[in-house]
Structures are given as structure tokens and as C-alpha cells.
């Protein structure tokens, strides 16, 4: 992460006096992902990434991941995107789901 910040500082404003790469109002995942790709850093495959953490269940469906028996390391607001049967599977399979779900 420090290499990303050194290579392309994040600013809340547009710094027109700097020769550095400047991101303006990007989300942190977009910021780090874009800069890591630009640095040719090794990145996980989409399938490996989805098994680590999941937000938009449509991405997992496109990767043919069976969400009925899915146990990612982390979930991020899946209730905004998941189908009702997928949410029920998360409730069943993820031990702490009820603690983070609204």
C-alpha cells in the first residue's frame, strides 16, 4: 500500500502543480486497484478475489460461483445486491452475518 501511495499520492483536491499522478474523489478500492495495475503488481484472479471478499453478487454469478454454499472471508453490503435466496445462504453459511447485516 505504501508503494501505491508513494507512486500516486491520493489528494482530496486536484494538484495542478505536481508532476505526480493525482486521484481525485476515487473510492479506495478503485484507487488501490488502478494504481496496483499501473505498477504491474501481481493481482488475484477475479475468482480468487471473489472468494476472498464479495460485495456485488452479480460478479460471483458471472464467474459461475455457487453462492448457496459460499463462505468468503469478507462481505461488504451484499444485502444491496444479492437475491433473496443468496442472502438466506449467507445467513446460513456465514457465522457472523447477522452481526453485520442491517
C-alpha atoms as a PDB file:
ATOM      1  CA  UNK A   1       0.000   0.000   0.000  1.00  0.00           C
ATOM      2  CA  UNK A   2       2.841   2.364   0.758  1.00  0.00           C
ATOM      3  CA  UNK A   3       4.288   1.795  -2.716  1.00  0.00           C
ATOM      4  CA  UNK A   4       0.932   2.781  -4.202  1.00  0.00           C
ATOM      5  CA  UNK A   5       0.749   5.957  -2.126  1.00  0.00           C
ATOM      6  CA  UNK A   6       4.351   6.865  -2.987  1.00  0.00           C
ATOM      7  CA  UNK A   7       3.814   6.205  -6.704  1.00  0.00           C
ATOM      8  CA  UNK A   8       0.498   8.021  -6.955  1.00  0.00           C
ATOM      9  CA  UNK A   9      -0.460  10.202  -3.987  1.00  0.00           C
ATOM     10  CA  UNK A  10      -4.133  10.467  -3.204  1.00  0.00           C
ATOM     11  CA  UNK A  11      -5.450  14.005  -2.766  1.00  0.00           C
ATOM     12  CA  UNK A  12      -8.816  15.476  -1.895  1.00  0.00           C
ATOM     13  CA  UNK A  13      -8.096  18.209  -4.420  1.00  0.00           C
ATOM     14  CA  UNK A  14      -6.606  18.477  -7.878  1.00  0.00           C
ATOM     15  CA  UNK A  15      -2.907  19.362  -7.567  1.00  0.00           C
ATOM     16  CA  UNK A  16      -2.053  21.011 -10.863  1.00  0.00           C
ATOM     17  CA  UNK A  17       1.467  21.968  -9.760  1.00  0.00           C
ATOM     18  CA  UNK A  18       2.664  18.412  -9.206  1.00  0.00           C
ATOM     19  CA  UNK A  19       4.040  16.028 -11.792  1.00  0.00           C
ATOM     20  CA  UNK A  20       2.724  13.137  -9.676  1.00  0.00           C
ATOM     21  CA  UNK A  21      -0.309  11.086 -10.502  1.00  0.00           C
ATOM     22  CA  UNK A  22      -3.235  12.550  -8.564  1.00  0.00           C
ATOM     23  CA  UNK A  23      -6.510  10.775  -7.869  1.00  0.00           C
ATOM     24  CA  UNK A  24      -9.497  12.935  -7.088  1.00  0.00           C
ATOM     25  CA  UNK A  25     -12.510  11.547  -5.211  1.00  0.00           C
ATOM     26  CA  UNK A  26     -11.930   7.892  -6.148  1.00  0.00           C
ATOM     27  CA  UNK A  27     -13.114   5.133  -3.835  1.00  0.00           C
ATOM     28  CA  UNK A  28     -10.243   3.417  -2.039  1.00  0.00           C
ATOM     29  CA  UNK A  29     -10.692   0.100  -3.860  1.00  0.00           C
ATOM     30  CA  UNK A  30     -10.663   1.870  -7.233  1.00  0.00           C
ATOM     31  CA  UNK A  31      -7.630   3.907  -6.212  1.00  0.00           C
ATOM     32  CA  UNK A  32      -5.522   0.990  -4.976  1.00  0.00           C
ATOM     33  CA  UNK A  33      -6.662  -1.387  -7.724  1.00  0.00           C
ATOM     34  CA  UNK A  34      -5.924   1.103 -10.504  1.00  0.00           C
ATOM     35  CA  UNK A  35      -2.510   2.080  -9.186  1.00  0.00           C
ATOM     36  CA  UNK A  36      -1.513  -1.540  -8.466  1.00  0.00           C
ATOM     37  CA  UNK A  37      -2.456  -2.485 -12.021  1.00  0.00           C
ATOM     38  CA  UNK A  38      -0.470   0.508 -13.300  1.00  0.00           C
ATOM     39  CA  UNK A  39       2.551  -0.662 -11.297  1.00  0.00           C
ATOM     40  CA  UNK A  40       2.191  -4.165 -12.799  1.00  0.00           C
ATOM     41  CA  UNK A  41       1.793  -5.592  -9.293  1.00  0.00           C
ATOM     42  CA  UNK A  42       0.622  -9.203  -9.048  1.00  0.00           C
ATOM     43  CA  UNK A  43      -3.143  -9.244  -8.595  1.00  0.00           C
ATOM     44  CA  UNK A  44      -5.501 -12.140  -7.825  1.00  0.00           C
ATOM     45  CA  UNK A  45      -7.755 -13.590 -10.478  1.00  0.00           C
ATOM     46  CA  UNK A  46     -11.382 -12.411 -10.321  1.00  0.00           C
ATOM     47  CA  UNK A  47     -12.383 -15.821  -8.922  1.00  0.00           C
ATOM     48  CA  UNK A  48      -9.748 -15.710  -6.171  1.00  0.00           C
ATOM     49  CA  UNK A  49     -10.740 -12.128  -5.348  1.00  0.00           C
ATOM     50  CA  UNK A  50     -14.440 -13.073  -5.125  1.00  0.00           C
ATOM     51  CA  UNK A  51     -13.635 -15.941  -2.758  1.00  0.00           C
ATOM     52  CA  UNK A  52     -11.747 -13.523  -0.514  1.00  0.00           C
ATOM     53  CA  UNK A  53     -14.378 -10.794  -0.268  1.00  0.00           C
ATOM     54  CA  UNK A  54     -17.658 -10.124  -2.006  1.00  0.00           C
ATOM     55  CA  UNK A  55     -19.914  -7.118  -2.496  1.00  0.00           C
ATOM     56  CA  UNK A  56     -21.758  -7.455  -5.784  1.00  0.00           C
ATOM     57  CA  UNK A  57     -23.120 -10.972  -6.091  1.00  0.00           C
ATOM     58  CA  UNK A  58     -23.658 -10.489  -9.834  1.00  0.00           C
ATOM     59  CA  UNK A  59     -19.869 -10.701 -10.268  1.00  0.00           C
ATOM     60  CA  UNK A  60     -19.811 -14.056  -8.475  1.00  0.00           C
ATOM     61  CA  UNK A  61     -22.704 -15.307 -10.612  1.00  0.00           C
ATOM     62  CA  UNK A  62     -20.834 -14.296 -13.779  1.00  0.00           C
ATOM     63  CA  UNK A  63     -17.840 -16.315 -12.515  1.00  0.00           C
ATOM     64  CA  UNK A  64     -20.171 -19.323 -12.012  1.00  0.00           C
ATOM     65  CA  UNK A  65     -19.561 -19.355  -8.243  1.00  0.00           C
ATOM     66  CA  UNK A  66     -22.269 -21.285  -6.389  1.00  0.00           C
ATOM     67  CA  UNK A  67     -23.482 -18.782  -3.802  1.00  0.00           C
ATOM     68  CA  UNK A  68     -25.676 -21.306  -1.990  1.00  0.00           C
ATOM     69  CA  UNK A  69     -22.624 -22.844  -0.277  1.00  0.00           C
ATOM     70  CA  UNK A  70     -20.316 -19.838  -0.359  1.00  0.00           C
ATOM     71  CA  UNK A  71     -18.082 -18.811   2.562  1.00  0.00           C
ATOM     72  CA  UNK A  72     -15.932 -15.795   1.626  1.00  0.00           C
ATOM     73  CA  UNK A  73     -13.540 -14.267   4.151  1.00  0.00           C
ATOM     74  CA  UNK A  74     -15.451 -10.993   3.994  1.00  0.00           C
ATOM     75  CA  UNK A  75     -18.711  -9.491   2.762  1.00  0.00           C
ATOM     76  CA  UNK A  76     -19.388  -5.827   2.028  1.00  0.00           C
ATOM     77  CA  UNK A  77     -23.017  -4.682   1.887  1.00  0.00           C
ATOM     78  CA  UNK A  78     -24.123  -7.758  -0.059  1.00  0.00           C
ATOM     79  CA  UNK A  79     -27.709  -7.056   1.019  1.00  0.00           C
ATOM     80  CA  UNK A  80     -27.753  -4.195  -1.502  1.00  0.00           C
ATOM     81  CA  UNK A  81     -27.124  -6.522  -4.466  1.00  0.00           C
ATOM     82  CA  UNK A  82     -27.943 -10.120  -3.543  1.00  0.00           C
ATOM     83  CA  UNK A  83     -31.047 -12.056  -4.456  1.00  0.00           C
ATOM     84  CA  UNK A  84     -33.221 -13.189  -1.504  1.00  0.00           C
ATOM     85  CA  UNK A  85     -32.075 -16.822  -1.791  1.00  0.00           C
ATOM     86  CA  UNK A  86     -28.431 -15.680  -1.791  1.00  0.00           C
ATOM     87  CA  UNK A  87     -28.978 -13.644   1.376  1.00  0.00           C
ATOM     88  CA  UNK A  88     -30.556 -16.666   3.013  1.00  0.00           C
ATOM     89  CA  UNK A  89     -27.494 -18.730   2.061  1.00  0.00           C
ATOM     90  CA  UNK A  90     -25.197 -16.085   3.587  1.00  0.00           C
ATOM     91  CA  UNK A  91     -27.258 -16.177   6.788  1.00  0.00           C
ATOM     92  CA  UNK A  92     -26.917 -19.958   6.847  1.00  0.00           C
ATOM     93  CA  UNK A  93     -23.213 -20.199   5.873  1.00  0.00           C
ATOM     94  CA  UNK A  94     -21.584 -17.119   7.393  1.00  0.00           C
ATOM     95  CA  UNK A  95     -21.308 -17.412  11.162  1.00  0.00           C
ATOM     96  CA  UNK A  96     -21.319 -13.669  11.850  1.00  0.00           C
ATOM     97  CA  UNK A  97     -23.577 -12.477   9.033  1.00  0.00           C
ATOM     98  CA  UNK A  98     -26.338 -11.343  11.400  1.00  0.00           C
ATOM     99  CA  UNK A  99     -23.871  -9.100  13.242  1.00  0.00           C
ATOM    100  CA  UNK A 100     -23.055  -7.063  10.134  1.00  0.00           C
ATOM    101  CA  UNK A 101     -26.297  -7.198   8.161  1.00  0.00           C
ATOM    102  CA  UNK A 102     -28.848  -4.433   8.751  1.00  0.00           C
END
